[in-house]
Amino acid sequence: MTGQVPKIFGLVGQALEADVLAGQTLARVVNITKNLVAASGANGEVLMQQFSPESQQLIRGHFG
């Protein structure tokens, strides 16, 4: 599963960009994704590189 972390992070980032998550669902998805990235040892900064600077700022706001 850890090999899929970049793909999962990318899909969550796209969902945040599209503003399709809200409330408890948003909080749960972000929390699970944070835990998954941490458990995998993936570098969050490297994962963020696939997004534009504006999107990175938005995503960081949710993951902060």
N, C-alpha and C. Protein backbone atom coordinates (compact mmCIF):
# COMPACT_ATOMS: atom_id res chain seq x y z
N MET A 1 0.82 -1.21 0.00
CA MET A 1 0.00 0.00 0.00
C MET A 1 0.86 1.27 0.00
N THR A 2 2.01 1.22 0.65
CA THR A 2 2.83 2.42 0.73
C THR A 2 3.34 2.86 -0.64
N GLY A 3 3.40 1.95 -1.59
CA GLY A 3 3.79 2.31 -2.94
C GLY A 3 2.77 3.17 -3.64
N GLN A 4 1.56 3.18 -3.12
CA GLN A 4 0.47 3.95 -3.70
C GLN A 4 0.31 5.34 -3.06
N VAL A 5 1.15 5.65 -2.09
CA VAL A 5 1.02 6.93 -1.37
C VAL A 5 1.06 8.14 -2.30
N PRO A 6 1.99 8.23 -3.25
CA PRO A 6 1.98 9.40 -4.14
C PRO A 6 0.66 9.52 -4.92
N LYS A 7 0.13 8.41 -5.37
CA LYS A 7 -1.13 8.44 -6.11
C LYS A 7 -2.28 8.88 -5.20
N ILE A 8 -2.33 8.33 -4.00
CA ILE A 8 -3.39 8.68 -3.05
C ILE A 8 -3.30 10.16 -2.70
N PHE A 9 -2.09 10.63 -2.39
CA PHE A 9 -1.90 12.03 -2.04
C PHE A 9 -2.33 12.92 -3.21
N GLY A 10 -1.98 12.52 -4.42
CA GLY A 10 -2.36 13.28 -5.60
C GLY A 10 -3.87 13.37 -5.76
N LEU A 11 -4.56 12.28 -5.53
CA LEU A 11 -6.02 12.28 -5.66
C LEU A 11 -6.67 13.12 -4.57
N VAL A 12 -6.15 13.05 -3.36
CA VAL A 12 -6.68 13.88 -2.28
C VAL A 12 -6.42 15.35 -2.59
N GLY A 13 -5.23 15.65 -3.08
CA GLY A 13 -4.92 17.03 -3.46
C GLY A 13 -5.86 17.55 -4.54
N GLN A 14 -6.16 16.71 -5.51
CA GLN A 14 -7.09 17.11 -6.57
C GLN A 14 -8.49 17.36 -5.99
N ALA A 15 -8.90 16.54 -5.05
CA ALA A 15 -10.21 16.74 -4.41
C ALA A 15 -10.23 18.05 -3.64
N LEU A 16 -9.13 18.39 -2.99
CA LEU A 16 -9.06 19.66 -2.28
C LEU A 16 -9.10 20.83 -3.26
N GLU A 17 -8.38 20.70 -4.37
CA GLU A 17 -8.40 21.74 -5.41
C GLU A 17 -9.82 21.96 -5.93
N ALA A 18 -10.54 20.87 -6.14
CA ALA A 18 -11.89 20.94 -6.70
C ALA A 18 -12.94 21.31 -5.65
N ASP A 19 -12.51 21.40 -4.39
CA ASP A 19 -13.40 21.78 -3.29
C ASP A 19 -14.62 20.85 -3.19
N VAL A 20 -14.35 19.55 -3.28
CA VAL A 20 -15.45 18.58 -3.23
C VAL A 20 -15.56 17.89 -1.87
N LEU A 21 -14.68 18.23 -0.94
CA LEU A 21 -14.74 17.65 0.40
C LEU A 21 -15.12 18.74 1.39
N ALA A 22 -15.93 18.37 2.38
CA ALA A 22 -16.34 19.35 3.38
C ALA A 22 -16.63 18.66 4.70
N GLY A 23 -16.63 19.43 5.75
CA GLY A 23 -17.04 18.95 7.06
C GLY A 23 -16.23 17.78 7.57
N GLN A 24 -16.96 16.82 8.17
CA GLN A 24 -16.30 15.66 8.76
C GLN A 24 -15.58 14.81 7.72
N THR A 25 -16.14 14.75 6.52
CA THR A 25 -15.49 13.97 5.47
C THR A 25 -14.13 14.57 5.15
N LEU A 26 -14.06 15.88 5.00
CA LEU A 26 -12.80 16.57 4.74
C LEU A 26 -11.81 16.28 5.86
N ALA A 27 -12.23 16.44 7.09
CA ALA A 27 -11.34 16.22 8.23
C ALA A 27 -10.83 14.78 8.26
N ARG A 28 -11.70 13.83 8.02
CA ARG A 28 -11.29 12.42 8.05
C ARG A 28 -10.31 12.09 6.92
N VAL A 29 -10.61 12.57 5.72
CA VAL A 29 -9.73 12.28 4.58
C VAL A 29 -8.35 12.89 4.81
N VAL A 30 -8.30 14.12 5.26
CA VAL A 30 -7.01 14.77 5.52
C VAL A 30 -6.25 14.04 6.62
N ASN A 31 -6.94 13.67 7.70
CA ASN A 31 -6.28 12.98 8.81
C ASN A 31 -5.73 11.62 8.38
N ILE A 32 -6.53 10.87 7.66
CA ILE A 32 -6.09 9.55 7.19
C ILE A 32 -4.91 9.70 6.24
N THR A 33 -4.97 10.69 5.36
CA THR A 33 -3.89 10.89 4.40
C THR A 33 -2.61 11.31 5.11
N LYS A 34 -2.72 12.19 6.10
CA LYS A 34 -1.55 12.59 6.88
C LYS A 34 -0.91 11.38 7.54
N ASN A 35 -1.73 10.53 8.14
CA ASN A 35 -1.22 9.33 8.81
C ASN A 35 -0.56 8.38 7.82
N LEU A 36 -1.17 8.24 6.66
CA LEU A 36 -0.63 7.35 5.63
C LEU A 36 0.73 7.84 5.14
N VAL A 37 0.82 9.14 4.88
CA VAL A 37 2.10 9.71 4.43
C VAL A 37 3.17 9.52 5.51
N ALA A 38 2.81 9.79 6.77
CA ALA A 38 3.77 9.64 7.86
C ALA A 38 4.21 8.18 8.02
N ALA A 39 3.26 7.27 7.98
CA ALA A 39 3.57 5.85 8.16
C ALA A 39 4.44 5.30 7.02
N SER A 40 4.28 5.86 5.84
CA SER A 40 5.03 5.38 4.68
C SER A 40 6.45 5.94 4.65
N GLY A 41 6.67 7.03 5.38
CA GLY A 41 7.98 7.68 5.35
C GLY A 41 8.17 8.55 4.12
N ALA A 42 7.09 8.78 3.37
CA ALA A 42 7.17 9.61 2.16
C ALA A 42 7.47 11.06 2.55
N ASN A 43 8.13 11.76 1.67
CA ASN A 43 8.47 13.16 1.87
C ASN A 43 7.31 14.01 1.35
N GLY A 44 6.61 14.67 2.27
CA GLY A 44 5.46 15.49 1.90
C GLY A 44 5.81 16.59 0.92
N GLU A 45 7.00 17.16 1.05
CA GLU A 45 7.40 18.23 0.14
C GLU A 45 7.56 17.71 -1.28
N VAL A 46 8.07 16.52 -1.41
CA VAL A 46 8.22 15.92 -2.74
C VAL A 46 6.83 15.63 -3.32
N LEU A 47 5.93 15.15 -2.49
CA LEU A 47 4.57 14.87 -2.95
C LEU A 47 3.86 16.15 -3.41
N MET A 48 4.18 17.26 -2.79
CA MET A 48 3.53 18.54 -3.13
C MET A 48 4.00 19.08 -4.48
N GLN A 49 5.14 18.63 -4.96
CA GLN A 49 5.73 19.15 -6.20
C GLN A 49 4.81 18.98 -7.41
N GLN A 50 3.89 18.02 -7.35
CA GLN A 50 3.01 17.78 -8.49
C GLN A 50 1.93 18.85 -8.65
N PHE A 51 1.83 19.76 -7.68
CA PHE A 51 0.80 20.79 -7.69
C PHE A 51 1.39 22.18 -7.94
N SER A 52 0.56 23.06 -8.46
CA SER A 52 0.97 24.45 -8.68
C SER A 52 1.21 25.11 -7.32
N PRO A 53 1.95 26.21 -7.30
CA PRO A 53 2.18 26.92 -6.02
C PRO A 53 0.87 27.31 -5.32
N GLU A 54 -0.14 27.71 -6.08
CA GLU A 54 -1.42 28.09 -5.49
C GLU A 54 -2.08 26.88 -4.83
N SER A 55 -2.04 25.76 -5.52
CA SER A 55 -2.63 24.54 -4.98
C SER A 55 -1.85 24.04 -3.77
N GLN A 56 -0.53 24.19 -3.82
CA GLN A 56 0.28 23.79 -2.67
C GLN A 56 -0.12 24.58 -1.44
N GLN A 57 -0.36 25.85 -1.61
CA GLN A 57 -0.76 26.69 -0.48
C GLN A 57 -2.11 26.23 0.07
N LEU A 58 -3.04 25.93 -0.81
CA LEU A 58 -4.36 25.44 -0.40
C LEU A 58 -4.23 24.12 0.36
N ILE A 59 -3.46 23.19 -0.19
CA ILE A 59 -3.30 21.87 0.41
C ILE A 59 -2.61 22.00 1.77
N ARG A 60 -1.58 22.82 1.84
CA ARG A 60 -0.88 23.02 3.12
C ARG A 60 -1.83 23.59 4.18
N GLY A 61 -2.77 24.42 3.76
CA GLY A 61 -3.75 24.95 4.68
C GLY A 61 -4.59 23.87 5.33
N HIS A 62 -4.85 22.83 4.60
CA HIS A 62 -5.64 21.72 5.13
C HIS A 62 -4.77 20.74 5.94
N PHE A 63 -3.52 20.59 5.53
CA PHE A 63 -2.65 19.63 6.18
C PHE A 63 -1.82 20.23 7.31
N GLY A 64 -1.84 21.57 7.42
CA GLY A 64 -1.06 22.27 8.41
C GLY A 64 -1.26 21.81 9.77
